């Protein structure tokens, strides 16, 4: 990512902040989806245990 003006780091900083925000959002979304899936599995397991008793 070469800058036309090597002294202008503002654009590179904005790109970096944007990339960080995108990665953070992506990992948080993945974590939320994984947590929901895990909660669903736990709930299913509890229901199965109740049925077996």
Protein backbone atom coordinates (compact mmCIF):
# COMPACT_ATOMS: atom_id res chain seq x y z
CA UNK A 1 0.00 0.00 0.00
CA UNK A 2 2.19 2.77 -1.20
CA UNK A 3 1.11 6.28 -0.41
CA UNK A 4 1.51 8.98 -3.04
CA UNK A 5 2.68 11.26 -0.23
CA UNK A 6 4.94 9.42 2.22
CA UNK A 7 4.41 12.18 4.78
CA UNK A 8 0.63 11.71 4.75
CA UNK A 9 0.02 8.90 7.23
CA UNK A 10 -3.55 9.94 8.00
CA UNK A 11 -4.98 7.82 5.18
CA UNK A 12 -2.96 4.80 6.23
CA UNK A 13 -4.07 5.28 9.83
CA UNK A 14 -7.72 5.46 8.75
CA UNK A 15 -7.29 2.26 6.74
CA UNK A 16 -5.69 0.58 9.73
CA UNK A 17 -8.48 1.68 12.10
CA UNK A 18 -11.10 0.54 9.60
CA UNK A 19 -9.43 -2.85 9.24
CA UNK A 20 -9.24 -3.24 13.03
CA UNK A 21 -12.92 -2.34 13.40
CA UNK A 22 -13.91 -4.81 10.69
CA UNK A 23 -11.92 -7.62 12.30
CA UNK A 24 -13.32 -6.84 15.74
CA UNK A 25 -16.85 -6.85 14.39
CA UNK A 26 -16.26 -10.13 12.57
CA UNK A 27 -14.79 -11.87 15.61
CA UNK A 28 -17.57 -10.57 17.87
CA UNK A 29 -20.20 -11.80 15.42
CA UNK A 30 -18.53 -15.21 15.25
CA UNK A 31 -18.35 -15.39 19.03
CA UNK A 32 -22.02 -14.48 19.34
CA UNK A 33 -23.06 -17.11 16.80
CA UNK A 34 -20.91 -19.75 18.51
CA UNK A 35 -22.34 -18.83 21.91
CA UNK A 36 -25.91 -19.05 20.64
CA UNK A 37 -25.22 -22.41 19.03
CA UNK A 38 -23.66 -23.69 22.24
CA UNK A 39 -26.61 -22.45 24.29
CA UNK A 40 -28.99 -24.22 21.89
CA UNK A 41 -27.05 -27.48 22.25
CA UNK A 42 -27.10 -27.20 26.04
CA UNK A 43 -30.85 -26.58 26.01
CA UNK A 44 -31.38 -29.58 23.71
CA UNK A 45 -29.25 -31.77 25.97
CA UNK A 46 -31.25 -30.73 29.03
CA UNK A 47 -34.52 -31.53 27.29
CA UNK A 48 -33.18 -34.92 26.25
CA UNK A 49 -32.13 -35.68 29.83
CA UNK A 50 -35.57 -34.70 31.13
CA UNK A 51 -37.24 -37.00 28.57
CA UNK A 52 -34.99 -39.91 29.52
CA UNK A 53 -35.80 -39.66 33.22
